[in-house]
Amino acid sequence: YEIIDSSLEDITYVLKPTFTAQHIAHLDKQAKLSRAY
């Protein structure tokens, strides 16, 4: 059976990240460190 659970969204995002035009436009304007799992 299919599992519907929003907590699993992080896994699907790692497999297929998506970027909005707004996000792309600000990539070089902020140097923010990310924390990996």
Full PDB file with SEQRES, HELIX, SHEET, SSBOND, CRYST1, ORIGX, SCALE, CONECT and MASTER records, all heavy atoms in Angstrom:
SEQRES   1 A   37  TYR GLU ILE ILE ASP SER SER LEU GLU ASP ILE THR TYR          
SEQRES   2 A   37  VAL LEU LYS PRO THR PHE THR ALA GLN HIS ILE ALA HIS          
SEQRES   3 A   37  LEU ASP LYS GLN ALA LYS LEU SER ARG ALA TYR                  
HELIX    1 AA1 SER A    6  LEU A    8  5                                   3    
HELIX    2 AA2 GLU A    9  LEU A   15  1                                   7    
HELIX    3 AA3 ALA A   21  ALA A   25  1                                   5    
CRYST1    1.000    1.000    1.000  90.00  90.00  90.00 P 1           1          
ORIGX1      1.000000  0.000000  0.000000        0.00000                         
ORIGX2      0.000000  1.000000  0.000000        0.00000                         
ORIGX3      0.000000  0.000000  1.000000        0.00000                         
SCALE1      1.000000  0.000000  0.000000        0.00000                         
SCALE2      0.000000  1.000000  0.000000        0.00000                         
SCALE3      0.000000  0.000000  1.000000        0.00000                         
ATOM      1  N   TYR A   1       0.854  -1.190   0.000  1.00  0.00           N  
ATOM      2  CA  TYR A   1       0.000   0.000   0.000  1.00  0.00           C  
ATOM      3  C   TYR A   1       0.888   1.237   0.000  1.00  0.00           C  
ATOM      4  O   TYR A   1       2.020   1.211   0.482  1.00  0.00           O  
ATOM      5  CB  TYR A   1      -0.954   0.015   1.204  1.00  0.00           C  
ATOM      6  CG  TYR A   1      -0.301   0.066   2.567  1.00  0.00           C  
ATOM      7  CD1 TYR A   1       0.106   1.284   3.133  1.00  0.00           C  
ATOM      8  CD2 TYR A   1      -0.090  -1.100   3.308  1.00  0.00           C  
ATOM      9  CE1 TYR A   1       0.696   1.341   4.380  1.00  0.00           C  
ATOM     10  CE2 TYR A   1       0.503  -1.059   4.555  1.00  0.00           C  
ATOM     11  CZ  TYR A   1       0.892   0.165   5.090  1.00  0.00           C  
ATOM     12  OH  TYR A   1       1.488   0.213   6.324  1.00  0.00           O  
ATOM     13  N   GLU A   2       0.350   2.321  -0.572  1.00  0.00           N  
ATOM     14  CA  GLU A   2       1.119   3.558  -0.660  1.00  0.00           C  
ATOM     15  C   GLU A   2       1.155   4.266   0.689  1.00  0.00           C  
ATOM     16  O   GLU A   2       0.165   4.306   1.417  1.00  0.00           O  
ATOM     17  CB  GLU A   2       0.517   4.493  -1.720  1.00  0.00           C  
ATOM     18  CG  GLU A   2       1.338   5.761  -1.926  1.00  0.00           C  
ATOM     19  CD  GLU A   2       0.768   6.683  -2.994  1.00  0.00           C  
ATOM     20  OE1 GLU A   2      -0.213   6.286  -3.671  1.00  0.00           O  
ATOM     21  OE2 GLU A   2       1.293   7.804  -3.150  1.00  0.00           O  
ATOM     22  N   ILE A   3       2.308   4.818   1.015  1.00  0.00           N  
ATOM     23  CA  ILE A   3       2.488   5.565   2.258  1.00  0.00           C  
ATOM     24  C   ILE A   3       2.397   7.059   1.948  1.00  0.00           C  
ATOM     25  O   ILE A   3       3.160   7.581   1.125  1.00  0.00           O  
ATOM     26  CB  ILE A   3       3.844   5.256   2.902  1.00  0.00           C  
ATOM     27  CG1 ILE A   3       3.977   3.761   3.182  1.00  0.00           C  
ATOM     28  CG2 ILE A   3       4.037   6.064   4.184  1.00  0.00           C  
ATOM     29  CD1 ILE A   3       5.380   3.352   3.591  1.00  0.00           C  
ATOM     30  N   ILE A   4       1.472   7.728   2.586  1.00  0.00           N  
ATOM     31  CA  ILE A   4       1.332   9.182   2.437  1.00  0.00           C  
ATOM     32  C   ILE A   4       1.787   9.824   3.730  1.00  0.00           C  
ATOM     33  O   ILE A   4       1.111   9.738   4.758  1.00  0.00           O  
ATOM     34  CB  ILE A   4      -0.129   9.589   2.129  1.00  0.00           C  
ATOM     35  CG1 ILE A   4      -0.684   8.788   0.947  1.00  0.00           C  
ATOM     36  CG2 ILE A   4      -0.212  11.085   1.882  1.00  0.00           C  
ATOM     37  CD1 ILE A   4      -0.006   9.070  -0.363  1.00  0.00           C  
ATOM     38  N   ASP A   5       2.950  10.457   3.713  1.00  0.00           N  
ATOM     39  CA  ASP A   5       3.507  11.038   4.931  1.00  0.00           C  
ATOM     40  C   ASP A   5       4.393  12.216   4.541  1.00  0.00           C  
ATOM     41  O   ASP A   5       5.405  12.041   3.861  1.00  0.00           O  
ATOM     42  CB  ASP A   5       4.315   9.979   5.685  1.00  0.00           C  
ATOM     43  CG  ASP A   5       4.744  10.458   7.072  1.00  0.00           C  
ATOM     44  OD1 ASP A   5       4.880  11.678   7.274  1.00  0.00           O  
ATOM     45  OD2 ASP A   5       4.951   9.594   7.949  1.00  0.00           O  
ATOM     46  N   SER A   6       4.029  13.415   4.968  1.00  0.00           N  
ATOM     47  CA  SER A   6       4.758  14.624   4.574  1.00  0.00           C  
ATOM     48  C   SER A   6       6.198  14.618   5.095  1.00  0.00           C  
ATOM     49  O   SER A   6       7.058  15.313   4.549  1.00  0.00           O  
ATOM     50  CB  SER A   6       4.034  15.872   5.077  1.00  0.00           C  
ATOM     51  OG  SER A   6       3.914  15.847   6.495  1.00  0.00           O  
ATOM     52  N   SER A   7       6.477  13.838   6.122  1.00  0.00           N  
ATOM     53  CA  SER A   7       7.836  13.807   6.669  1.00  0.00           C  
ATOM     54  C   SER A   7       8.825  13.157   5.705  1.00  0.00           C  
ATOM     55  O   SER A   7      10.037  13.277   5.871  1.00  0.00           O  
ATOM     56  CB  SER A   7       7.853  13.064   8.011  1.00  0.00           C  
ATOM     57  OG  SER A   7       7.575  11.690   7.832  1.00  0.00           O  
ATOM     58  N   LEU A   8       8.308  12.458   4.702  1.00  0.00           N  
ATOM     59  CA  LEU A   8       9.171  11.799   3.719  1.00  0.00           C  
ATOM     60  C   LEU A   8       9.553  12.734   2.564  1.00  0.00           C  
ATOM     61  O   LEU A   8      10.320  12.353   1.693  1.00  0.00           O  
ATOM     62  CB  LEU A   8       8.475  10.558   3.157  1.00  0.00           C  
ATOM     63  CG  LEU A   8       8.186   9.434   4.167  1.00  0.00           C  
ATOM     64  CD1 LEU A   8       7.330   8.358   3.528  1.00  0.00           C  
ATOM     65  CD2 LEU A   8       9.488   8.845   4.695  1.00  0.00           C  
ATOM     66  N   GLU A   9       9.022  13.946   2.567  1.00  0.00           N  
ATOM     67  CA  GLU A   9       9.256  14.871   1.460  1.00  0.00           C  
ATOM     68  C   GLU A   9      10.736  15.231   1.307  1.00  0.00           C  
ATOM     69  O   GLU A   9      11.210  15.479   0.194  1.00  0.00           O  
ATOM     70  CB  GLU A   9       8.431  16.150   1.657  1.00  0.00           C  
ATOM     71  CG  GLU A   9       8.369  17.015   0.408  1.00  0.00           C  
ATOM     72  CD  GLU A   9       8.742  18.462   0.702  1.00  0.00           C  
ATOM     73  OE1 GLU A   9       8.810  18.860   1.872  1.00  0.00           O  
ATOM     74  OE2 GLU A   9       8.970  19.195  -0.271  1.00  0.00           O  
ATOM     75  N   ASP A  10      11.473  15.243   2.423  1.00  0.00           N  
ATOM     76  CA  ASP A  10      12.902  15.558   2.341  1.00  0.00           C  
ATOM     77  C   ASP A  10      13.637  14.565   1.441  1.00  0.00           C  
ATOM     78  O   ASP A  10      14.579  14.928   0.736  1.00  0.00           O  
ATOM     79  CB  ASP A  10      13.537  15.543   3.730  1.00  0.00           C  
ATOM     80  CG  ASP A  10      13.204  16.788   4.536  1.00  0.00           C  
ATOM     81  OD1 ASP A  10      12.899  17.820   3.909  1.00  0.00           O  
ATOM     82  OD2 ASP A  10      13.253  16.734   5.771  1.00  0.00           O  
ATOM     83  N   ILE A  11      13.203  13.306   1.467  1.00  0.00           N  
ATOM     84  CA  ILE A  11      13.852  12.273   0.655  1.00  0.00           C  
ATOM     85  C   ILE A  11      13.596  12.519  -0.823  1.00  0.00           C  
ATOM     86  O   ILE A  11      14.506  12.456  -1.646  1.00  0.00           O  
ATOM     87  CB  ILE A  11      13.357  10.874   1.070  1.00  0.00           C  
ATOM     88  CG1 ILE A  11      13.764  10.575   2.511  1.00  0.00           C  
ATOM     89  CG2 ILE A  11      13.924   9.798   0.132  1.00  0.00           C  
ATOM     90  CD1 ILE A  11      13.193   9.289   3.055  1.00  0.00           C  
ATOM     91  N   THR A  12      12.349  12.815  -1.181  1.00  0.00           N  
ATOM     92  CA  THR A  12      12.030  13.059  -2.591  1.00  0.00           C  
ATOM     93  C   THR A  12      12.705  14.337  -3.093  1.00  0.00           C  
ATOM     94  O   THR A  12      13.107  14.416  -4.250  1.00  0.00           O  
ATOM     95  CB  THR A  12      10.509  13.154  -2.809  1.00  0.00           C  
ATOM     96  OG1 THR A  12       9.963  14.174  -1.965  1.00  0.00           O  
ATOM     97  CG2 THR A  12       9.833  11.839  -2.466  1.00  0.00           C  
ATOM     98  N   TYR A  13      12.869  15.320  -2.205  1.00  0.00           N  
ATOM     99  CA  TYR A  13      13.513  16.561  -2.637  1.00  0.00           C  
ATOM    100  C   TYR A  13      14.990  16.340  -2.931  1.00  0.00           C  
ATOM    101  O   TYR A  13      15.549  16.925  -3.859  1.00  0.00           O  
ATOM    102  CB  TYR A  13      13.345  17.662  -1.580  1.00  0.00           C  
ATOM    103  CG  TYR A  13      13.772  19.023  -2.085  1.00  0.00           C  
ATOM    104  CD1 TYR A  13      12.874  19.828  -2.797  1.00  0.00           C  
ATOM    105  CD2 TYR A  13      15.069  19.493  -1.900  1.00  0.00           C  
ATOM    106  CE1 TYR A  13      13.269  21.065  -3.294  1.00  0.00           C  
ATOM    107  CE2 TYR A  13      15.470  20.722  -2.386  1.00  0.00           C  
ATOM    108  CZ  TYR A  13      14.565  21.509  -3.085  1.00  0.00           C  
ATOM    109  OH  TYR A  13      14.955  22.735  -3.588  1.00  0.00           O  
ATOM    110  N   VAL A  14      15.651  15.484  -2.138  1.00  0.00           N  
ATOM    111  CA  VAL A  14      17.057  15.182  -2.387  1.00  0.00           C  
ATOM    112  C   VAL A  14      17.216  14.488  -3.746  1.00  0.00           C  
ATOM    113  O   VAL A  14      18.159  14.745  -4.486  1.00  0.00           O  
ATOM    114  CB  VAL A  14      17.638  14.299  -1.260  1.00  0.00           C  
ATOM    115  CG1 VAL A  14      18.952  13.655  -1.689  1.00  0.00           C  
ATOM    116  CG2 VAL A  14      17.864  15.136  -0.018  1.00  0.00           C  
ATOM    117  N   LEU A  15      16.261  13.593  -4.083  1.00  0.00           N  
ATOM    118  CA  LEU A  15      16.320  12.899  -5.360  1.00  0.00           C  
ATOM    119  C   LEU A  15      16.017  13.822  -6.527  1.00  0.00           C  
ATOM    120  O   LEU A  15      16.589  13.688  -7.605  1.00  0.00           O  
ATOM    121  CB  LEU A  15      15.326  11.730  -5.366  1.00  0.00           C  
ATOM    122  CG  LEU A  15      15.759  10.473  -4.618  1.00  0.00           C  
ATOM    123  CD1 LEU A  15      14.620   9.476  -4.577  1.00  0.00           C  
ATOM    124  CD2 LEU A  15      16.972   9.847  -5.281  1.00  0.00           C  
ATOM    125  N   LYS A  16      15.114  14.779  -6.293  1.00  0.00           N  
ATOM    126  CA  LYS A  16      14.725  15.671  -7.382  1.00  0.00           C  
ATOM    127  C   LYS A  16      14.518  17.094  -6.854  1.00  0.00           C  
ATOM    128  O   LYS A  16      13.393  17.545  -6.679  1.00  0.00           O  
ATOM    129  CB  LYS A  16      13.443  15.158  -8.058  1.00  0.00           C  
ATOM    130  CG  LYS A  16      13.156  15.846  -9.388  1.00  0.00           C  
ATOM    131  CD  LYS A  16      11.999  15.190 -10.115  1.00  0.00           C  
ATOM    132  CE  LYS A  16      11.773  15.857 -11.470  1.00  0.00           C  
ATOM    133  NZ  LYS A  16      10.672  15.219 -12.227  1.00  0.00           N  
ATOM    134  N   PRO A  17      15.618  17.810  -6.611  1.00  0.00           N  
ATOM    135  CA  PRO A  17      15.492  19.197  -6.138  1.00  0.00           C  
ATOM    136  C   PRO A  17      14.859  20.083  -7.206  1.00  0.00           C  
ATOM    137  O   PRO A  17      15.055  19.860  -8.402  1.00  0.00           O  
ATOM    138  CB  PRO A  17      16.953  19.614  -5.877  1.00  0.00           C  
ATOM    139  CG  PRO A  17      17.733  18.344  -5.857  1.00  0.00           C  
ATOM    140  CD  PRO A  17      17.014  17.395  -6.745  1.00  0.00           C  
ATOM    141  N   THR A  18      14.110  21.067  -6.785  1.00  0.00           N  
ATOM    142  CA  THR A  18      13.497  22.029  -7.708  1.00  0.00           C  
ATOM    143  C   THR A  18      13.850  23.446  -7.267  1.00  0.00           C  
ATOM    144  O   THR A  18      14.018  23.717  -6.078  1.00  0.00           O  
ATOM    145  CB  THR A  18      11.968  21.872  -7.749  1.00  0.00           C  
ATOM    146  OG1 THR A  18      11.446  21.986  -6.421  1.00  0.00           O  
ATOM    147  CG2 THR A  18      11.580  20.516  -8.326  1.00  0.00           C  
ATOM    148  N   PHE A  19      13.955  24.335  -8.241  1.00  0.00           N  
ATOM    149  CA  PHE A  19      14.330  25.716  -7.974  1.00  0.00           C  
ATOM    150  C   PHE A  19      13.351  26.659  -8.661  1.00  0.00           C  
ATOM    151  O   PHE A  19      13.026  26.468  -9.838  1.00  0.00           O  
ATOM    152  CB  PHE A  19      15.745  26.002  -8.485  1.00  0.00           C  
ATOM    153  CG  PHE A  19      16.828  25.285  -7.734  1.00  0.00           C  
ATOM    154  CD1 PHE A  19      17.107  23.948  -7.979  1.00  0.00           C  
ATOM    155  CD2 PHE A  19      17.567  25.947  -6.770  1.00  0.00           C  
ATOM    156  CE1 PHE A  19      18.101  23.290  -7.285  1.00  0.00           C  
ATOM    157  CE2 PHE A  19      18.570  25.295  -6.067  1.00  0.00           C  
ATOM    158  CZ  PHE A  19      18.833  23.960  -6.321  1.00  0.00           C  
ATOM    159  N   THR A  20      12.891  27.663  -7.940  1.00  0.00           N  
ATOM    160  CA  THR A  20      12.040  28.688  -8.535  1.00  0.00           C  
ATOM    161  C   THR A  20      12.935  29.767  -9.147  1.00  0.00           C  
ATOM    162  O   THR A  20      14.117  29.889  -8.801  1.00  0.00           O  
ATOM    163  CB  THR A  20      11.128  29.335  -7.489  1.00  0.00           C  
ATOM    164  OG1 THR A  20      11.942  30.016  -6.513  1.00  0.00           O  
ATOM    165  CG2 THR A  20      10.273  28.273  -6.783  1.00  0.00           C  
ATOM    166  N   ALA A  21      12.360  30.569 -10.041  1.00  0.00           N  
ATOM    167  CA  ALA A  21      13.116  31.659 -10.660  1.00  0.00           C  
ATOM    168  C   ALA A  21      13.604  32.641  -9.597  1.00  0.00           C  
ATOM    169  O   ALA A  21      14.712  33.184  -9.688  1.00  0.00           O  
ATOM    170  CB  ALA A  21      12.240  32.369 -11.687  1.00  0.00           C  
ATOM    171  N   GLN A  22      12.791  32.855  -8.571  1.00  0.00           N  
ATOM    172  CA  GLN A  22      13.172  33.780  -7.493  1.00  0.00           C  
ATOM    173  C   GLN A  22      14.363  33.234  -6.705  1.00  0.00           C  
ATOM    174  O   GLN A  22      15.296  33.978  -6.372  1.00  0.00           O  
ATOM    175  CB  GLN A  22      11.988  34.003  -6.552  1.00  0.00           C  
ATOM    176  CG  GLN A  22      12.273  35.013  -5.452  1.00  0.00           C  
ATOM    177  CD  GLN A  22      11.066  35.242  -4.561  1.00  0.00           C  
ATOM    178  OE1 GLN A  22      10.096  34.486  -4.607  1.00  0.00           O  
ATOM    179  NE2 GLN A  22      11.122  36.289  -3.741  1.00  0.00           N  
ATOM    180  N   HIS A  23      14.335  31.934  -6.429  1.00  0.00           N  
ATOM    181  CA  HIS A  23      15.441  31.310  -5.710  1.00  0.00           C  
ATOM    182  C   HIS A  23      16.738  31.423  -6.511  1.00  0.00           C  
ATOM    183  O   HIS A  23      17.790  31.772  -5.970  1.00  0.00           O  
ATOM    184  CB  HIS A  23      15.104  29.832  -5.455  1.00  0.00           C  
ATOM    185  CG  HIS A  23      16.111  29.112  -4.608  1.00  0.00           C  
ATOM    186  ND1 HIS A  23      16.011  27.777  -4.299  1.00  0.00           N  
ATOM    187  CD2 HIS A  23      17.275  29.532  -4.022  1.00  0.00           C  
ATOM    188  CE1 HIS A  23      17.043  27.420  -3.550  1.00  0.00           C  
ATOM    189  NE2 HIS A  23      17.820  28.460  -3.376  1.00  0.00           N  
ATOM    190  N   ILE A  24      16.652  31.141  -7.803  1.00  0.00           N  
ATOM    191  CA  ILE A  24      17.828  31.198  -8.668  1.00  0.00           C  
ATOM    192  C   ILE A  24      18.405  32.615  -8.721  1.00  0.00           C  
ATOM    193  O   ILE A  24      19.620  32.812  -8.686  1.00  0.00           O  
ATOM    194  CB  ILE A  24      17.475  30.705 -10.083  1.00  0.00           C  
ATOM    195  CG1 ILE A  24      17.114  29.209 -10.043  1.00  0.00           C  
ATOM    196  CG2 ILE A  24      18.632  30.938 -11.052  1.00  0.00           C  
ATOM    197  CD1 ILE A  24      16.534  28.667 -11.337  1.00  0.00           C  
ATOM    198  N   ALA A  25      17.515  33.607  -8.776  1.00  0.00           N  
ATOM    199  CA  ALA A  25      17.952  35.000  -8.876  1.00  0.00           C  
ATOM    200  C   ALA A  25      18.734  35.457  -7.645  1.00  0.00           C  
ATOM    201  O   ALA A  25      19.545  36.391  -7.722  1.00  0.00           O  
ATOM    202  CB  ALA A  25      16.739  35.909  -9.089  1.00  0.00           C  
ATOM    203  N   HIS A  26      18.513  34.799  -6.505  1.00  0.00           N  
ATOM    204  CA  HIS A  26      19.171  35.218  -5.266  1.00  0.00           C  
ATOM    205  C   HIS A  26      20.352  34.337  -4.867  1.00  0.00           C  
ATOM    206  O   HIS A  26      20.938  34.525  -3.801  1.00  0.00           O  
ATOM    207  CB  HIS A  26      18.151  35.241  -4.119  1.00  0.00           C  
ATOM    208  CG  HIS A  26      17.185  36.381  -4.202  1.00  0.00           C  
ATOM    209  ND1 HIS A  26      16.042  36.326  -4.981  1.00  0.00           N  
ATOM    210  CD2 HIS A  26      17.197  37.618  -3.615  1.00  0.00           C  
ATOM    211  CE1 HIS A  26      15.384  37.473  -4.865  1.00  0.00           C  
ATOM    212  NE2 HIS A  26      16.068  38.273  -4.048  1.00  0.00           N  
ATOM    213  N   LEU A  27      20.728  33.387  -5.726  1.00  0.00           N  
ATOM    214  CA  LEU A  27      21.805  32.468  -5.361  1.00  0.00           C  
ATOM    215  C   LEU A  27      23.127  33.176  -5.076  1.00  0.00           C  
ATOM    216  O   LEU A  27      23.863  32.795  -4.165  1.00  0.00           O  
ATOM    217  CB  LEU A  27      22.013  31.431  -6.480  1.00  0.00           C  
ATOM    218  CG  LEU A  27      20.980  30.312  -6.574  1.00  0.00           C  
ATOM    219  CD1 LEU A  27      21.301  29.413  -7.765  1.00  0.00           C  
ATOM    220  CD2 LEU A  27      20.931  29.493  -5.291  1.00  0.00           C  
ATOM    221  N   ASP A  28      23.430  34.202  -5.849  1.00  0.00           N  
ATOM    222  CA  ASP A  28      24.712  34.889  -5.686  1.00  0.00           C  
ATOM    223  C   ASP A  28      24.640  36.078  -4.733  1.00  0.00           C  
ATOM    224  O   ASP A  28      25.644  36.740  -4.486  1.00  0.00           O  
ATOM    225  CB  ASP A  28      25.228  35.364  -7.049  1.00  0.00           C  
ATOM    226  CG  ASP A  28      25.531  34.205  -7.981  1.00  0.00           C  
ATOM    227  OD1 ASP A  28      26.011  33.170  -7.494  1.00  0.00           O  
ATOM    228  OD2 ASP A  28      25.258  34.332  -9.193  1.00  0.00           O  
ATOM    229  N   LYS A  29      23.448  36.314  -4.188  1.00  0.00           N  
ATOM    230  CA  LYS A  29      23.277  37.468  -3.297  1.00  0.00           C  
ATOM    231  C   LYS A  29      23.322  37.078  -1.825  1.00  0.00           C  
ATOM    232  O   LYS A  29      23.335  37.935  -0.960  1.00  0.00           O  
ATOM    233  CB  LYS A  29      21.947  38.168  -3.609  1.00  0.00           C  
ATOM    234  CG  LYS A  29      21.886  38.735  -5.019  1.00  0.00           C  
ATOM    235  CD  LYS A  29      20.537  39.352  -5.316  1.00  0.00           C  
ATOM    236  CE  LYS A  29      20.471  39.864  -6.753  1.00  0.00           C  
ATOM    237  NZ  LYS A  29      19.144  40.426  -7.089  1.00  0.00           N  
ATOM    238  N   GLN A  30      23.309  35.785  -1.550  1.00  0.00           N  
ATOM    239  CA  GLN A  30      23.381  35.337  -0.165  1.00  0.00           C  
ATOM    240  C   GLN A  30      24.247  34.086  -0.077  1.00  0.00           C  
ATOM    241  O   GLN A  30      24.113  33.157  -0.853  1.00  0.00           O  
ATOM    242  CB  GLN A  30      21.975  35.045   0.382  1.00  0.00           C  
ATOM    243  CG  GLN A  30      21.183  34.038  -0.433  1.00  0.00           C  
ATOM    244  CD  GLN A  30      19.783  33.854   0.113  1.00  0.00           C  
ATOM    245  OE1 GLN A  30      19.287  34.676   0.864  1.00  0.00           O  
ATOM    246  NE2 GLN A  30      19.143  32.760  -0.273  1.00  0.00           N  
ATOM    247  N   ALA A  31      25.155  34.107   0.857  1.00  0.00           N  
ATOM    248  CA  ALA A  31      26.037  32.956   1.067  1.00  0.00           C  
ATOM    249  C   ALA A  31      25.673  32.314   2.404  1.00  0.00           C  
ATOM    250  O   ALA A  31      26.342  32.509   3.416  1.00  0.00           O  
ATOM    251  CB  ALA A  31      27.487  33.401   1.055  1.00  0.00           C  
ATOM    252  N   LYS A  32      24.576  31.577   2.384  1.00  0.00           N  
ATOM    253  CA  LYS A  32      24.063  30.977   3.621  1.00  0.00           C  
ATOM    254  C   LYS A  32      24.461  29.510   3.702  1.00  0.00           C  
ATOM    255  O   LYS A  32      24.190  28.725   2.799  1.00  0.00           O  
ATOM    256  CB  LYS A  32      22.537  31.105   3.657  1.00  0.00           C  
ATOM    257  CG  LYS A  32      21.913  30.566   4.935  1.00  0.00           C  
ATOM    258  CD  LYS A  32      20.399  30.728   4.894  1.00  0.00           C  
ATOM    259  CE  LYS A  32      19.768  30.143   6.150  1.00  0.00           C  
ATOM    260  NZ  LYS A  32      18.286  30.254   6.105  1.00  0.00           N  
ATOM    261  N   LEU A  33      25.121  29.148   4.803  1.00  0.00           N  
ATOM    262  CA  LEU A  33      25.510  27.760   4.998  1.00  0.00           C  
ATOM    263  C   LEU A  33      24.287  26.897   5.267  1.00  0.00           C  
ATOM    264  O   LEU A  33      23.350  27.311   5.947  1.00  0.00           O  
ATOM    265  CB  LEU A  33      26.484  27.638   6.176  1.00  0.00           C  
ATOM    266  CG  LEU A  33      27.915  28.135   5.943  1.00  0.00           C  
ATOM    267  CD1 LEU A  33      28.689  28.127   7.253  1.00  0.00           C  
ATOM    268  CD2 LEU A  33      28.624  27.273   4.913  1.00  0.00           C  
ATOM    269  N   SER A  34      24.293  25.691   4.699  1.00  0.00           N  
ATOM    270  CA  SER A  34      23.242  24.713   4.958  1.00  0.00           C  
ATOM    271  C   SER A  34      23.813  23.609   5.833  1.00  0.00           C  
ATOM    272  O   SER A  34      25.002  23.338   5.814  1.00  0.00           O  
ATOM    273  CB  SER A  34      22.720  24.124   3.646  1.00  0.00           C  
ATOM    274  OG  SER A  34      22.066  25.095   2.872  1.00  0.00           O  
ATOM    275  N   ARG A  35      22.928  22.973   6.602  1.00  0.00           N  
ATOM    276  CA  ARG A  35      23.353  21.865   7.449  1.00  0.00           C  
ATOM    277  C   ARG A  35      22.817  20.559   6.883  1.00  0.00           C  
ATOM    278  O   ARG A  35      21.617  20.397   6.695  1.00  0.00           O  
ATOM    279  CB  ARG A  35      22.855  22.051   8.891  1.00  0.00           C  
ATOM    280  CG  ARG A  35      23.365  20.949   9.847  1.00  0.00           C  
ATOM    281  CD  ARG A  35      22.978  21.260  11.277  1.00  0.00           C  
ATOM    282  NE  ARG A  35      23.628  22.455  11.763  1.00  0.00           N  
ATOM    283  CZ  ARG A  35      24.864  22.500  12.250  1.00  0.00           C  
ATOM    284  NH1 ARG A  35      25.595  21.382  12.298  1.00  0.00           N  
ATOM    285  NH2 ARG A  35      25.383  23.623  12.683  1.00  0.00           N  
ATOM    286  N   ALA A  36      23.730  19.640   6.574  1.00  0.00           N  
ATOM    287  CA  ALA A  36      23.335  18.340   6.051  1.00  0.00           C  
ATOM    288  C   ALA A  36      22.800  17.466   7.185  1.00  0.00           C  
ATOM    289  O   ALA A  36      22.985  17.755   8.367  1.00  0.00           O  
ATOM    290  CB  ALA A  36      24.533  17.663   5.380  1.00  0.00           C  
ATOM    291  N   TYR A  37      22.146  16.376   6.818  1.00  0.00           N  
ATOM    292  CA  TYR A  37      21.557  15.489   7.813  1.00  0.00           C  
ATOM    293  C   TYR A  37      22.602  14.769   8.651  1.00  0.00           C  
ATOM    294  O   TYR A  37      22.300  14.279   9.731  1.00  0.00           O  
ATOM    295  CB  TYR A  37      20.624  14.485   7.135  1.00  0.00           C  
ATOM    296  CG  TYR A  37      19.229  15.035   6.926  1.00  0.00           C  
ATOM    297  CD1 TYR A  37      19.001  16.056   6.013  1.00  0.00           C  
ATOM    298  CD2 TYR A  37      18.158  14.569   7.655  1.00  0.00           C  
ATOM    299  CE1 TYR A  37      17.747  16.586   5.826  1.00  0.00           C  
ATOM    300  CE2 TYR A  37      16.882  15.086   7.480  1.00  0.00           C  
ATOM    301  CZ  TYR A  37      16.675  16.096   6.564  1.00  0.00           C  
ATOM    302  OH  TYR A  37      15.425  16.624   6.395  1.00  0.00           O  
TER     303      TYR A  37                                                      
MASTER        0    0    0    3    0    0    0    6  302    1    0    3          
END                                                                             
